[in-house]
């Protein structure tokens, strides 16, 4: 049997099709040259049903919210990053609104 993958990733791409989702996890170069940025290195691709992907999003959200509640630390994401990803601040705030 193949050993499971244990890797660090700092970026990803997602593709959806009629039969499922593909998530490609990537890692940025350790010391990028600002004059010629290197593309990220592919770490792994994980394929699953769209139902599985959608369920994972909700479970990950729940765990992150529990972590923030238990530690009293809100994990910040820079507004510049949200802008680059095309995520409106109000959409972000609504998604991460603490449960009451």
Protein backbone atom coordinates (compact mmCIF):
# COMPACT_ATOMS: atom_id res chain seq x y z
CA UNK A 1 0.00 0.00 0.00
CA UNK A 2 1.22 3.52 -0.78
CA UNK A 3 2.25 5.77 2.09
CA UNK A 4 -0.22 8.63 2.73
CA UNK A 5 0.85 12.12 1.73
CA UNK A 6 1.89 14.46 4.55
CA UNK A 7 2.75 17.83 3.07
CA UNK A 8 2.56 21.58 3.57
CA UNK A 9 0.61 23.71 1.09
CA UNK A 10 0.04 27.45 0.85
CA UNK A 11 -2.15 27.66 -2.23
CA UNK A 12 -4.66 25.61 -4.16
CA UNK A 13 -6.75 25.47 -7.30
CA UNK A 14 -10.17 23.92 -7.61
CA UNK A 15 -11.91 22.63 -10.71
CA UNK A 16 -15.50 21.45 -10.78
CA UNK A 17 -17.10 19.27 -13.42
CA UNK A 18 -20.36 17.38 -13.77
CA UNK A 19 -18.89 14.32 -12.02
CA UNK A 20 -16.79 15.81 -9.26
CA UNK A 21 -14.19 18.21 -7.93
CA UNK A 22 -10.41 18.30 -8.27
CA UNK A 23 -8.35 20.19 -5.70
CA UNK A 24 -4.71 20.77 -6.58
CA UNK A 25 -2.63 21.80 -3.60
CA UNK A 26 0.50 23.83 -4.30
CA UNK A 27 3.46 25.38 -2.53
CA UNK A 28 5.14 28.69 -3.33
CA UNK A 29 8.86 28.92 -3.99
CA UNK A 30 10.90 29.35 -0.81
CA UNK A 31 12.92 32.31 -2.11
CA UNK A 32 11.14 33.74 -5.15
CA UNK A 33 12.94 36.15 -7.43
CA UNK A 34 10.72 39.27 -7.61
CA UNK A 35 11.86 39.95 -11.17
CA UNK A 36 10.66 36.54 -12.41
CA UNK A 37 8.25 34.89 -9.98
CA UNK A 38 8.25 31.11 -10.20
CA UNK A 39 4.95 29.28 -10.51
CA UNK A 40 3.92 27.28 -7.45
CA UNK A 41 5.01 23.64 -7.20
CA UNK A 42 2.24 21.04 -7.33
CA UNK A 43 2.13 19.05 -4.08
CA UNK A 44 -0.91 16.83 -4.64
CA UNK A 45 -4.23 16.60 -6.44
CA UNK A 46 -7.24 15.25 -4.56
CA UNK A 47 -10.38 14.28 -6.45
CA UNK A 48 -13.78 13.86 -4.83
CA UNK A 49 -17.50 14.28 -5.40
CA UNK A 50 -18.89 17.80 -5.22
CA UNK A 51 -21.05 16.63 -2.31
CA UNK A 52 -17.92 15.58 -0.43
CA UNK A 53 -16.21 18.91 -1.15
CA UNK A 54 -19.27 20.87 0.00
CA UNK A 55 -19.48 18.82 3.20
CA UNK A 56 -15.75 19.34 3.87
CA UNK A 57 -16.18 23.12 3.63
CA UNK A 58 -18.84 23.07 6.35
CA UNK A 59 -16.86 20.76 8.62
CA UNK A 60 -13.69 22.84 8.21
CA UNK A 61 -15.66 26.02 8.96
CA UNK A 62 -17.07 24.45 12.12
CA UNK A 63 -13.64 23.36 13.34
CA UNK A 64 -12.05 26.75 12.65
CA UNK A 65 -14.87 28.55 14.47
CA UNK A 66 -14.48 26.19 17.45
CA UNK A 67 -10.73 26.83 17.47
CA UNK A 68 -11.29 30.60 17.49
CA UNK A 69 -13.87 30.31 20.28
CA UNK A 70 -11.68 28.04 22.43
CA UNK A 71 -8.51 30.08 22.02
CA UNK A 72 -10.12 33.51 22.00
CA UNK A 73 -8.08 34.32 18.91
CA UNK A 74 -9.72 35.41 15.67
CA UNK A 75 -7.53 34.28 12.75
CA UNK A 76 -7.17 37.33 10.49
CA UNK A 77 -7.10 37.31 6.71
CA UNK A 78 -5.76 40.43 5.02
CA UNK A 79 -8.33 42.51 3.11
CA UNK A 80 -5.82 42.68 0.24
CA UNK A 81 -5.97 38.87 -0.08
CA UNK A 82 -9.76 38.88 -0.10
CA UNK A 83 -9.67 41.52 -2.82
CA UNK A 84 -7.23 39.45 -4.91
CA UNK A 85 -9.55 36.45 -4.56
CA UNK A 86 -12.62 38.50 -5.49
CA UNK A 87 -14.27 37.96 -2.09
CA UNK A 88 -16.37 40.87 -0.89
CA UNK A 89 -15.67 41.79 2.76
CA UNK A 90 -19.37 41.52 3.61
CA UNK A 91 -19.53 37.99 2.15
CA UNK A 92 -16.46 37.03 4.18
CA UNK A 93 -17.90 38.47 7.38
CA UNK A 94 -21.24 36.72 6.84
CA UNK A 95 -19.59 33.33 6.23
CA UNK A 96 -17.38 33.62 9.32
CA UNK A 97 -19.98 35.24 11.57
CA UNK A 98 -19.68 33.53 14.97
CA UNK A 99 -22.60 31.32 15.85
CA UNK A 100 -24.76 32.55 18.72
